[in-house]
């Protein structure tokens, strides 16, 4: 029971600050004929989805904002380029979400080596989010707490989903620094500024 509470508490600690920064989608963003998918309503699964969706918005908007030329930018030779960072996020999302689904990873490429243009990186990132969407959108608190096999251990499914959110957040933080160096306002900052107006 302590383990379950610890996982739930960690999910809340990660997602609540992120949720506070997330602006609700504009009413005109989706065509009237296309209803938005239902989001989880139970406490833990809702928080997990909110944290994931916030990072999805941050990373997708970052990928759009940065020019093709700056996809090759790296602050030092020891770190990934902007494009490689997003491709790394896509690789890892496939890995975490496949584990959470209990399925083989459908991505067989090392996207850092194969997605070499802005369009290719954006597609890889979008594909990874589409793959992960299915698990976050269908999540219930009971499913989040089901044990899944990871290596030799069994952990709650939420553990892999929390790791995915944390990993996305970590690398969005890296990308914020890259964008700031290039004089680009990061998407989360831009949304916060718009909300204050």
N, C-alpha and C. Protein backbone atom coordinates (compact mmCIF):
# COMPACT_ATOMS: atom_id res chain seq x y z
N UNK A 1 0.83 -1.20 0.00
CA UNK A 1 0.00 0.00 0.00
C UNK A 1 0.87 1.26 0.00
N UNK A 2 1.98 1.21 0.78
CA UNK A 2 2.89 2.36 0.81
C UNK A 2 3.45 2.64 -0.57
N UNK A 3 3.74 1.56 -1.31
CA UNK A 3 4.30 1.70 -2.66
C UNK A 3 3.30 2.40 -3.59
N UNK A 4 2.04 2.02 -3.50
CA UNK A 4 1.00 2.62 -4.33
C UNK A 4 0.85 4.11 -4.01
N UNK A 5 0.84 4.43 -2.71
CA UNK A 5 0.72 5.83 -2.31
C UNK A 5 1.93 6.64 -2.75
N UNK A 6 3.11 6.03 -2.70
CA UNK A 6 4.32 6.75 -3.12
C UNK A 6 4.28 7.07 -4.61
N UNK A 7 3.83 6.11 -5.41
CA UNK A 7 3.73 6.34 -6.85
C UNK A 7 2.70 7.43 -7.14
N UNK A 8 1.55 7.36 -6.47
CA UNK A 8 0.51 8.37 -6.68
C UNK A 8 1.00 9.75 -6.26
N UNK A 9 1.70 9.83 -5.14
CA UNK A 9 2.21 11.12 -4.67
C UNK A 9 3.24 11.68 -5.64
N UNK A 10 4.11 10.82 -6.18
CA UNK A 10 5.10 11.27 -7.14
C UNK A 10 4.43 11.81 -8.40
N UNK A 11 3.40 11.12 -8.85
CA UNK A 11 2.67 11.58 -10.04
C UNK A 11 2.08 12.96 -9.80
N UNK A 12 1.51 13.16 -8.63
CA UNK A 12 0.91 14.47 -8.32
C UNK A 12 1.98 15.56 -8.24
N UNK A 13 3.12 15.23 -7.63
CA UNK A 13 4.19 16.23 -7.51
C UNK A 13 4.72 16.65 -8.87
N UNK A 14 4.80 15.71 -9.80
CA UNK A 14 5.29 16.03 -11.14
C UNK A 14 4.26 16.82 -11.92
N UNK A 15 3.04 16.38 -11.87
CA UNK A 15 2.03 16.91 -12.79
C UNK A 15 1.35 18.19 -12.34
N UNK A 16 1.16 18.39 -11.05
CA UNK A 16 0.39 19.56 -10.61
C UNK A 16 1.02 20.88 -11.03
N UNK A 17 2.35 21.08 -10.84
CA UNK A 17 2.93 22.35 -11.32
C UNK A 17 2.81 22.50 -12.83
N UNK A 18 2.91 21.40 -13.54
CA UNK A 18 2.80 21.44 -15.00
C UNK A 18 1.38 21.81 -15.40
N UNK A 19 0.40 21.24 -14.72
CA UNK A 19 -1.00 21.53 -15.04
C UNK A 19 -1.32 23.00 -14.83
N UNK A 20 -0.70 23.60 -13.85
CA UNK A 20 -0.97 25.01 -13.56
C UNK A 20 -0.53 25.90 -14.71
N UNK A 21 0.45 25.44 -15.51
CA UNK A 21 0.95 26.23 -16.63
C UNK A 21 0.18 25.97 -17.92
N UNK A 22 -0.65 24.95 -17.93
CA UNK A 22 -1.30 24.54 -19.16
C UNK A 22 -2.55 25.36 -19.42
N UNK A 23 -2.54 26.06 -20.54
CA UNK A 23 -3.72 26.84 -20.92
C UNK A 23 -4.74 25.91 -21.54
N UNK A 24 -6.04 26.13 -21.28
CA UNK A 24 -7.04 25.28 -21.91
C UNK A 24 -7.04 25.52 -23.42
N UNK A 25 -7.33 24.47 -24.21
CA UNK A 25 -7.33 24.66 -25.66
C UNK A 25 -8.42 25.63 -26.08
N UNK A 26 -8.12 26.39 -27.13
CA UNK A 26 -9.10 27.34 -27.64
C UNK A 26 -10.30 26.60 -28.19
N UNK A 27 -11.49 27.16 -28.01
CA UNK A 27 -12.72 26.50 -28.44
C UNK A 27 -12.73 26.30 -29.95
N UNK A 28 -12.09 27.18 -30.69
CA UNK A 28 -12.10 27.08 -32.14
C UNK A 28 -10.97 26.21 -32.68
N UNK A 29 -10.16 25.60 -31.80
CA UNK A 29 -9.01 24.83 -32.24
C UNK A 29 -9.39 23.58 -33.01
N UNK A 30 -10.51 22.94 -32.68
CA UNK A 30 -10.91 21.72 -33.37
C UNK A 30 -12.16 21.99 -34.20
N UNK A 31 -12.23 21.38 -35.37
CA UNK A 31 -13.44 21.55 -36.18
C UNK A 31 -14.67 21.05 -35.41
N UNK A 32 -15.81 21.68 -35.66
CA UNK A 32 -17.04 21.33 -34.95
C UNK A 32 -17.43 19.88 -35.16
N UNK A 33 -17.14 19.33 -36.34
CA UNK A 33 -17.52 17.95 -36.63
C UNK A 33 -16.65 16.94 -35.89
N UNK A 34 -15.48 17.39 -35.40
CA UNK A 34 -14.55 16.49 -34.75
C UNK A 34 -14.54 16.76 -33.26
N UNK A 35 -15.11 15.85 -32.48
CA UNK A 35 -15.12 16.01 -31.03
C UNK A 35 -13.76 15.65 -30.47
N UNK A 36 -13.33 16.37 -29.44
CA UNK A 36 -12.07 16.07 -28.79
C UNK A 36 -12.21 14.73 -28.06
N UNK A 37 -11.13 13.94 -28.02
CA UNK A 37 -11.22 12.66 -27.31
C UNK A 37 -11.46 12.89 -25.83
N UNK A 38 -12.21 12.00 -25.23
CA UNK A 38 -12.50 12.10 -23.80
C UNK A 38 -11.20 11.90 -23.03
N UNK A 39 -10.99 12.73 -22.04
CA UNK A 39 -9.79 12.59 -21.22
C UNK A 39 -10.15 11.85 -19.93
N UNK A 40 -9.17 11.21 -19.29
CA UNK A 40 -9.46 10.49 -18.06
C UNK A 40 -10.07 11.42 -17.00
N UNK A 41 -10.95 10.86 -16.20
CA UNK A 41 -11.63 11.67 -15.19
C UNK A 41 -11.27 11.27 -13.76
N UNK A 42 -10.68 10.11 -13.56
CA UNK A 42 -10.31 9.67 -12.21
C UNK A 42 -9.05 10.41 -11.77
N UNK A 43 -8.87 10.63 -10.47
CA UNK A 43 -7.80 11.53 -9.99
C UNK A 43 -6.39 11.23 -10.50
N UNK A 44 -5.89 10.03 -10.30
CA UNK A 44 -4.52 9.72 -10.69
C UNK A 44 -4.36 9.75 -12.21
N UNK A 45 -5.27 9.09 -12.91
CA UNK A 45 -5.15 9.03 -14.37
C UNK A 45 -5.32 10.41 -15.00
N UNK A 46 -6.15 11.25 -14.40
CA UNK A 46 -6.33 12.62 -14.91
C UNK A 46 -5.05 13.42 -14.74
N UNK A 47 -4.40 13.28 -13.59
CA UNK A 47 -3.15 14.01 -13.33
C UNK A 47 -2.04 13.52 -14.27
N UNK A 48 -1.97 12.21 -14.47
CA UNK A 48 -0.96 11.67 -15.39
C UNK A 48 -1.20 12.20 -16.80
N UNK A 49 -2.44 12.17 -17.25
CA UNK A 49 -2.75 12.68 -18.58
C UNK A 49 -2.42 14.17 -18.68
N UNK A 50 -2.75 14.93 -17.65
CA UNK A 50 -2.48 16.37 -17.67
C UNK A 50 -1.00 16.69 -17.78
N UNK A 51 -0.19 15.97 -17.02
CA UNK A 51 1.26 16.17 -17.09
C UNK A 51 1.81 15.80 -18.45
N UNK A 52 1.35 14.68 -18.98
CA UNK A 52 1.78 14.24 -20.31
C UNK A 52 1.33 15.23 -21.38
N UNK A 53 0.09 15.65 -21.32
CA UNK A 53 -0.45 16.55 -22.35
C UNK A 53 0.26 17.90 -22.34
N UNK A 54 0.64 18.37 -21.15
CA UNK A 54 1.38 19.62 -21.05
C UNK A 54 2.74 19.51 -21.75
N UNK A 55 3.43 18.39 -21.52
CA UNK A 55 4.72 18.20 -22.18
C UNK A 55 4.55 17.99 -23.68
N UNK A 56 3.47 17.32 -24.06
CA UNK A 56 3.19 17.15 -25.49
C UNK A 56 3.06 18.52 -26.16
N UNK A 57 2.34 19.43 -25.51
CA UNK A 57 2.16 20.77 -26.05
C UNK A 57 3.50 21.51 -26.11
N UNK A 58 4.28 21.46 -25.02
CA UNK A 58 5.57 22.15 -24.97
C UNK A 58 6.52 21.67 -26.06
N UNK A 59 6.63 20.36 -26.19
CA UNK A 59 7.59 19.80 -27.14
C UNK A 59 7.14 19.99 -28.59
N UNK A 60 5.86 19.80 -28.85
CA UNK A 60 5.34 19.99 -30.21
C UNK A 60 5.49 21.44 -30.65
N UNK A 61 5.16 22.36 -29.76
CA UNK A 61 5.28 23.78 -30.11
C UNK A 61 6.74 24.20 -30.24
N UNK A 62 7.62 23.61 -29.45
CA UNK A 62 9.06 23.89 -29.59
C UNK A 62 9.55 23.43 -30.96
N UNK A 63 9.12 22.24 -31.37
CA UNK A 63 9.52 21.70 -32.67
C UNK A 63 9.04 22.61 -33.81
N UNK A 64 7.88 23.22 -33.64
CA UNK A 64 7.34 24.13 -34.67
C UNK A 64 8.08 25.47 -34.69
N UNK A 65 8.39 26.00 -33.51
CA UNK A 65 8.95 27.36 -33.39
C UNK A 65 10.35 27.50 -33.96
N UNK A 66 11.15 26.46 -33.83
CA UNK A 66 12.56 26.56 -34.17
C UNK A 66 12.77 26.30 -35.67
N UNK A 67 13.61 27.11 -36.28
CA UNK A 67 13.85 27.02 -37.72
C UNK A 67 14.63 25.75 -38.07
N UNK A 68 14.51 25.35 -39.31
CA UNK A 68 15.26 24.18 -39.82
C UNK A 68 16.76 24.36 -39.54
N UNK A 69 17.28 25.56 -39.77
CA UNK A 69 18.71 25.81 -39.57
C UNK A 69 19.12 25.59 -38.12
N UNK A 70 18.24 25.95 -37.18
CA UNK A 70 18.58 25.81 -35.76
C UNK A 70 18.36 24.40 -35.23
N UNK A 71 17.82 23.50 -36.04
CA UNK A 71 17.72 22.10 -35.61
C UNK A 71 19.11 21.49 -35.44
N UNK A 72 20.11 22.06 -36.10
CA UNK A 72 21.48 21.58 -35.97
C UNK A 72 22.26 22.27 -34.87
N UNK A 73 21.60 23.19 -34.14
CA UNK A 73 22.29 23.95 -33.09
C UNK A 73 22.57 23.07 -31.87
N UNK A 74 23.81 23.15 -31.37
CA UNK A 74 24.18 22.52 -30.11
C UNK A 74 25.08 23.50 -29.37
N UNK A 75 24.73 23.80 -28.11
CA UNK A 75 25.51 24.78 -27.35
C UNK A 75 26.98 24.40 -27.20
N UNK A 76 27.26 23.11 -27.02
CA UNK A 76 28.64 22.61 -26.99
C UNK A 76 28.66 21.29 -27.74
N UNK A 77 29.84 20.84 -28.12
CA UNK A 77 29.97 19.59 -28.89
C UNK A 77 29.64 18.36 -28.05
N UNK A 78 29.56 18.52 -26.74
CA UNK A 78 29.29 17.38 -25.87
C UNK A 78 27.81 17.05 -25.72
N UNK A 79 26.94 17.88 -26.27
CA UNK A 79 25.50 17.66 -26.09
C UNK A 79 24.82 17.46 -27.45
N UNK A 80 23.60 16.96 -27.41
CA UNK A 80 22.82 16.74 -28.63
C UNK A 80 22.46 18.06 -29.28
N UNK A 81 22.21 17.99 -30.58
CA UNK A 81 21.65 19.16 -31.27
C UNK A 81 20.18 19.29 -30.88
N UNK A 82 19.58 20.41 -31.23
CA UNK A 82 18.15 20.61 -30.96
C UNK A 82 17.33 19.48 -31.58
N UNK A 83 17.61 19.17 -32.85
CA UNK A 83 16.87 18.10 -33.54
C UNK A 83 17.11 16.73 -32.92
N UNK A 84 18.36 16.45 -32.54
CA UNK A 84 18.65 15.16 -31.90
C UNK A 84 17.92 15.02 -30.56
N UNK A 85 17.80 16.14 -29.84
CA UNK A 85 17.11 16.10 -28.55
C UNK A 85 15.65 15.69 -28.74
N UNK A 86 14.98 16.30 -29.72
CA UNK A 86 13.58 15.94 -29.99
C UNK A 86 13.47 14.50 -30.48
N UNK A 87 14.41 14.06 -31.32
CA UNK A 87 14.40 12.68 -31.80
C UNK A 87 14.63 11.70 -30.65
N UNK A 88 15.50 12.08 -29.71
CA UNK A 88 15.74 11.27 -28.50
C UNK A 88 14.46 11.15 -27.69
N UNK A 89 13.74 12.25 -27.54
CA UNK A 89 12.46 12.22 -26.82
C UNK A 89 11.50 11.24 -27.51
N UNK A 90 11.43 11.30 -28.83
CA UNK A 90 10.55 10.38 -29.57
C UNK A 90 10.96 8.93 -29.34
N UNK A 91 12.26 8.64 -29.46
CA UNK A 91 12.75 7.27 -29.20
C UNK A 91 12.30 6.78 -27.83
N UNK A 92 12.51 7.61 -26.83
CA UNK A 92 12.24 7.21 -25.45
C UNK A 92 10.75 7.09 -25.18
N UNK A 93 9.95 7.95 -25.78
CA UNK A 93 8.50 7.82 -25.60
C UNK A 93 8.00 6.48 -26.12
N UNK A 94 8.48 6.08 -27.29
CA UNK A 94 8.10 4.77 -27.81
C UNK A 94 8.46 3.67 -26.80
N UNK A 95 9.65 3.76 -26.21
CA UNK A 95 10.11 2.75 -25.27
C UNK A 95 9.24 2.70 -24.02
N UNK A 96 9.04 3.86 -23.38
CA UNK A 96 8.24 3.90 -22.14
C UNK A 96 6.79 3.49 -22.38
N UNK A 97 6.19 3.99 -23.45
CA UNK A 97 4.77 3.71 -23.68
C UNK A 97 4.55 2.27 -24.12
N UNK A 98 5.50 1.69 -24.86
CA UNK A 98 5.39 0.27 -25.21
C UNK A 98 5.43 -0.58 -23.95
N UNK A 99 6.34 -0.24 -23.03
CA UNK A 99 6.41 -0.99 -21.76
C UNK A 99 5.11 -0.84 -20.97
N UNK A 100 4.57 0.37 -20.93
CA UNK A 100 3.32 0.60 -20.19
C UNK A 100 2.15 -0.14 -20.82
N UNK A 101 2.18 -0.29 -22.14
CA UNK A 101 1.12 -1.02 -22.84
C UNK A 101 1.32 -2.53 -22.77
N UNK A 102 2.55 -2.95 -22.46
CA UNK A 102 2.85 -4.38 -22.48
C UNK A 102 2.99 -4.90 -23.90
N UNK A 103 3.45 -4.04 -24.80
CA UNK A 103 3.59 -4.39 -26.22
C UNK A 103 5.05 -4.23 -26.63
N UNK A 104 5.44 -4.89 -27.73
CA UNK A 104 6.77 -4.63 -28.27
C UNK A 104 6.84 -3.19 -28.79
N UNK A 105 8.01 -2.61 -28.70
CA UNK A 105 8.22 -1.26 -29.20
C UNK A 105 8.05 -1.26 -30.72
N UNK A 106 7.11 -0.47 -31.26
CA UNK A 106 6.91 -0.46 -32.71
C UNK A 106 8.00 0.30 -33.46
N UNK A 107 8.77 1.12 -32.75
CA UNK A 107 9.82 1.91 -33.40
C UNK A 107 11.11 1.09 -33.46
N UNK A 108 11.56 0.80 -34.66
CA UNK A 108 12.78 0.00 -34.84
C UNK A 108 13.97 0.86 -35.24
N UNK A 109 13.76 2.18 -35.41
CA UNK A 109 14.84 3.07 -35.83
C UNK A 109 15.46 3.79 -34.64
N UNK A 110 16.73 4.16 -34.79
CA UNK A 110 17.33 5.12 -33.87
C UNK A 110 17.05 6.48 -34.49
N UNK A 111 16.00 7.12 -34.04
CA UNK A 111 15.53 8.35 -34.67
C UNK A 111 16.55 9.47 -34.62
N UNK A 112 17.46 9.43 -33.66
CA UNK A 112 18.53 10.44 -33.62
C UNK A 112 19.42 10.34 -34.85
N UNK A 113 19.50 9.14 -35.43
CA UNK A 113 20.36 8.93 -36.60
C UNK A 113 19.57 8.96 -37.91
N UNK A 114 18.27 8.70 -37.86
CA UNK A 114 17.49 8.60 -39.11
C UNK A 114 16.60 9.82 -39.38
N UNK A 115 16.19 10.53 -38.34
CA UNK A 115 15.34 11.72 -38.52
C UNK A 115 16.27 12.94 -38.58
N UNK A 116 16.65 13.33 -39.78
CA UNK A 116 17.72 14.32 -39.94
C UNK A 116 17.25 15.68 -40.43
N UNK A 117 15.96 15.86 -40.67
CA UNK A 117 15.42 17.15 -41.08
C UNK A 117 14.35 17.56 -40.08
N UNK A 118 13.99 18.82 -40.11
CA UNK A 118 12.94 19.30 -39.23
C UNK A 118 11.66 18.51 -39.46
N UNK A 119 11.29 18.31 -40.72
CA UNK A 119 10.06 17.58 -41.03
C UNK A 119 10.12 16.14 -40.51
N UNK A 120 11.26 15.49 -40.65
CA UNK A 120 11.40 14.11 -40.18
C UNK A 120 11.34 14.03 -38.66
N UNK A 121 11.97 14.99 -37.99
CA UNK A 121 11.93 15.00 -36.53
C UNK A 121 10.50 15.27 -36.05
N UNK A 122 9.82 16.24 -36.67
CA UNK A 122 8.45 16.54 -36.28
C UNK A 122 7.55 15.32 -36.49
N UNK A 123 7.74 14.59 -37.57
CA UNK A 123 6.94 13.39 -37.82
C UNK A 123 7.23 12.33 -36.76
N UNK A 124 8.51 12.12 -36.44
CA UNK A 124 8.88 11.13 -35.43
C UNK A 124 8.26 11.48 -34.07
N UNK A 125 8.33 12.76 -33.72
CA UNK A 125 7.77 13.21 -32.46
C UNK A 125 6.25 13.02 -32.45
N UNK A 126 5.59 13.42 -33.54
CA UNK A 126 4.14 13.26 -33.64
C UNK A 126 3.74 11.78 -33.58
N UNK A 127 4.50 10.91 -34.24
CA UNK A 127 4.21 9.48 -34.21
C UNK A 127 4.34 8.93 -32.79
N UNK A 128 5.37 9.38 -32.07
CA UNK A 128 5.55 8.90 -30.69
C UNK A 128 4.41 9.37 -29.79
N UNK A 129 3.96 10.61 -30.00
CA UNK A 129 2.82 11.10 -29.21
C UNK A 129 1.55 10.34 -29.57
N UNK A 130 1.35 10.06 -30.84
CA UNK A 130 0.16 9.31 -31.26
C UNK A 130 0.16 7.93 -30.60
N UNK A 131 1.32 7.30 -30.52
CA UNK A 131 1.43 5.99 -29.89
C UNK A 131 1.13 6.09 -28.38
N UNK A 132 1.68 7.11 -27.74
CA UNK A 132 1.47 7.27 -26.29
C UNK A 132 0.06 7.75 -25.96
N UNK A 133 -0.54 8.54 -26.85
CA UNK A 133 -1.90 9.05 -26.59
C UNK A 133 -2.85 7.92 -26.22
N UNK A 134 -2.74 6.80 -26.91
CA UNK A 134 -3.71 5.72 -26.70
C UNK A 134 -3.69 5.20 -25.27
N UNK A 135 -2.52 5.16 -24.65
CA UNK A 135 -2.48 4.67 -23.27
C UNK A 135 -2.90 5.74 -22.28
N UNK A 136 -2.44 6.99 -22.47
CA UNK A 136 -2.82 8.04 -21.52
C UNK A 136 -4.31 8.35 -21.60
N UNK A 137 -4.89 8.35 -22.80
CA UNK A 137 -6.32 8.67 -22.95
C UNK A 137 -7.23 7.57 -22.44
N UNK A 138 -6.77 6.33 -22.46
CA UNK A 138 -7.62 5.22 -22.01
C UNK A 138 -7.34 4.82 -20.56
N UNK A 139 -6.51 5.59 -19.88
CA UNK A 139 -6.09 5.24 -18.53
C UNK A 139 -7.21 5.39 -17.51
N UNK A 140 -7.27 4.46 -16.59
CA UNK A 140 -8.10 4.57 -15.38
C UNK A 140 -7.15 4.43 -14.20
N UNK A 141 -7.60 4.79 -13.02
CA UNK A 141 -6.74 4.64 -11.85
C UNK A 141 -6.39 3.17 -11.61
N UNK A 142 -7.35 2.29 -11.85
CA UNK A 142 -7.10 0.85 -11.68
C UNK A 142 -6.02 0.38 -12.67
N UNK A 143 -6.11 0.80 -13.93
CA UNK A 143 -5.11 0.42 -14.93
C UNK A 143 -3.75 1.02 -14.58
N UNK A 144 -3.74 2.23 -14.04
CA UNK A 144 -2.48 2.88 -13.68
C UNK A 144 -1.74 2.08 -12.60
N UNK A 145 -2.50 1.43 -11.72
CA UNK A 145 -1.89 0.72 -10.60
C UNK A 145 -1.64 -0.77 -10.88
N UNK A 146 -2.07 -1.25 -12.05
CA UNK A 146 -1.78 -2.64 -12.41
C UNK A 146 -0.28 -2.85 -12.54
N UNK A 147 0.19 -3.99 -12.07
CA UNK A 147 1.61 -4.29 -12.15
C UNK A 147 1.96 -4.77 -13.55
N UNK A 148 3.08 -4.25 -14.06
CA UNK A 148 3.60 -4.67 -15.36
C UNK A 148 5.04 -5.12 -15.17
N UNK A 149 5.50 -5.96 -16.06
CA UNK A 149 6.86 -6.48 -15.98
C UNK A 149 7.82 -5.50 -16.66
N UNK A 150 8.84 -5.09 -15.93
CA UNK A 150 9.90 -4.25 -16.47
C UNK A 150 11.22 -4.90 -16.07
N UNK A 151 11.88 -5.50 -17.04
CA UNK A 151 13.08 -6.27 -16.73
C UNK A 151 12.69 -7.45 -15.85
N UNK A 152 13.36 -7.58 -14.72
CA UNK A 152 13.06 -8.67 -13.78
C UNK A 152 12.05 -8.25 -12.71
N UNK A 153 11.61 -7.02 -12.77
CA UNK A 153 10.73 -6.48 -11.72
C UNK A 153 9.31 -6.28 -12.22
N UNK A 154 8.41 -6.14 -11.27
CA UNK A 154 7.04 -5.72 -11.56
C UNK A 154 6.84 -4.37 -10.90
N UNK A 155 6.32 -3.42 -11.67
CA UNK A 155 6.05 -2.09 -11.13
C UNK A 155 4.66 -1.67 -11.59
N UNK A 156 4.05 -0.70 -10.91
CA UNK A 156 2.77 -0.20 -11.39
C UNK A 156 2.95 0.45 -12.78
N UNK A 157 1.98 0.27 -13.65
CA UNK A 157 2.00 0.88 -14.98
C UNK A 157 2.28 2.39 -14.88
N UNK A 158 1.75 3.02 -13.85
CA UNK A 158 1.97 4.45 -13.64
C UNK A 158 3.45 4.79 -13.55
N UNK A 159 4.27 3.86 -13.08
CA UNK A 159 5.71 4.11 -12.97
C UNK A 159 6.34 4.42 -14.31
N UNK A 160 5.98 3.66 -15.36
CA UNK A 160 6.51 3.93 -16.69
C UNK A 160 5.96 5.24 -17.24
N UNK A 161 4.69 5.52 -16.95
CA UNK A 161 4.08 6.75 -17.46
C UNK A 161 4.65 7.98 -16.76
N UNK A 162 4.92 7.86 -15.47
CA UNK A 162 5.57 8.96 -14.74
C UNK A 162 6.99 9.18 -15.28
N UNK A 163 7.70 8.08 -15.53
CA UNK A 163 9.06 8.21 -16.08
C UNK A 163 9.03 8.91 -17.43
N UNK A 164 8.03 8.61 -18.24
CA UNK A 164 7.90 9.27 -19.55
C UNK A 164 7.68 10.77 -19.38
N UNK A 165 6.77 11.15 -18.48
CA UNK A 165 6.49 12.57 -18.24
C UNK A 165 7.75 13.27 -17.73
N UNK A 166 8.43 12.64 -16.77
CA UNK A 166 9.64 13.24 -16.19
C UNK A 166 10.72 13.41 -17.26
N UNK A 167 10.89 12.39 -18.10
CA UNK A 167 11.89 12.46 -19.17
C UNK A 167 11.56 13.57 -20.16
N UNK A 168 10.28 13.66 -20.57
CA UNK A 168 9.87 14.73 -21.47
C UNK A 168 10.14 16.10 -20.85
N UNK A 169 9.81 16.24 -19.57
CA UNK A 169 10.00 17.51 -18.86
C UNK A 169 11.49 17.86 -18.76
N UNK A 170 12.30 16.86 -18.47
CA UNK A 170 13.75 17.09 -18.37
C UNK A 170 14.30 17.65 -19.68
N UNK A 171 13.91 17.04 -20.79
CA UNK A 171 14.47 17.47 -22.06
C UNK A 171 13.80 18.74 -22.59
N UNK A 172 12.56 18.99 -22.19
CA UNK A 172 11.99 20.30 -22.53
C UNK A 172 12.82 21.39 -21.83
N UNK A 173 13.25 21.12 -20.61
CA UNK A 173 14.13 22.07 -19.91
C UNK A 173 15.42 22.33 -20.67
N UNK A 174 16.00 21.27 -21.25
CA UNK A 174 17.19 21.45 -22.09
C UNK A 174 16.87 22.34 -23.29
N UNK A 175 15.74 22.05 -23.94
CA UNK A 175 15.36 22.79 -25.14
C UNK A 175 15.07 24.25 -24.84
N UNK A 176 14.55 24.53 -23.64
CA UNK A 176 14.32 25.92 -23.23
C UNK A 176 15.64 26.68 -23.26
N UNK A 177 16.69 26.07 -22.74
CA UNK A 177 18.00 26.71 -22.75
C UNK A 177 18.47 26.95 -24.18
N UNK A 178 18.32 25.96 -25.04
CA UNK A 178 18.71 26.11 -26.44
C UNK A 178 17.96 27.29 -27.07
N UNK A 179 16.63 27.34 -26.84
CA UNK A 179 15.83 28.41 -27.42
C UNK A 179 16.23 29.77 -26.87
N UNK A 180 16.47 29.85 -25.57
CA UNK A 180 16.87 31.13 -24.95
C UNK A 180 18.18 31.62 -25.56
N UNK A 181 19.13 30.73 -25.76
CA UNK A 181 20.41 31.12 -26.36
C UNK A 181 20.18 31.71 -27.75
N UNK A 182 19.21 31.19 -28.48
CA UNK A 182 18.90 31.66 -29.83
C UNK A 182 17.91 32.83 -29.84
N UNK A 183 17.51 33.32 -28.67
CA UNK A 183 16.59 34.45 -28.60
C UNK A 183 15.14 34.09 -28.88
N UNK A 184 14.80 32.82 -28.72
CA UNK A 184 13.43 32.35 -28.96
C UNK A 184 12.72 32.20 -27.63
N UNK A 185 11.52 32.73 -27.52
CA UNK A 185 10.73 32.60 -26.29
C UNK A 185 10.13 31.19 -26.27
N UNK A 186 10.41 30.41 -25.23
CA UNK A 186 9.86 29.05 -25.16
C UNK A 186 8.33 29.05 -25.11
N UNK A 187 7.69 28.01 -25.63
CA UNK A 187 6.23 27.97 -25.69
C UNK A 187 5.54 28.13 -24.34
N UNK A 188 6.06 27.50 -23.30
CA UNK A 188 5.41 27.60 -21.98
C UNK A 188 5.46 29.04 -21.47
N UNK A 189 6.57 29.73 -21.71
CA UNK A 189 6.68 31.14 -21.32
C UNK A 189 5.73 32.00 -22.14
N UNK A 190 5.67 31.73 -23.43
CA UNK A 190 4.79 32.50 -24.30
C UNK A 190 3.32 32.35 -23.87
N UNK A 191 2.92 31.13 -23.53
CA UNK A 191 1.53 30.93 -23.08
C UNK A 191 1.28 31.65 -21.75
N UNK A 192 2.25 31.58 -20.84
CA UNK A 192 2.10 32.25 -19.55
C UNK A 192 1.97 33.76 -19.74
N UNK A 193 2.76 34.32 -20.65
CA UNK A 193 2.69 35.76 -20.93
C UNK A 193 1.34 36.13 -21.51
N UNK A 194 0.80 35.31 -22.40
CA UNK A 194 -0.50 35.58 -23.02
C UNK A 194 -1.61 35.52 -21.97
N UNK A 195 -1.50 34.62 -21.01
CA UNK A 195 -2.53 34.49 -19.97
C UNK A 195 -2.55 35.71 -19.04
N UNK A 196 -1.39 36.37 -18.89
CA UNK A 196 -1.31 37.54 -18.01
C UNK A 196 -1.88 38.80 -18.66
N UNK A 197 -2.06 38.77 -19.98
CA UNK A 197 -2.55 39.96 -20.68
C UNK A 197 -4.02 40.21 -20.40
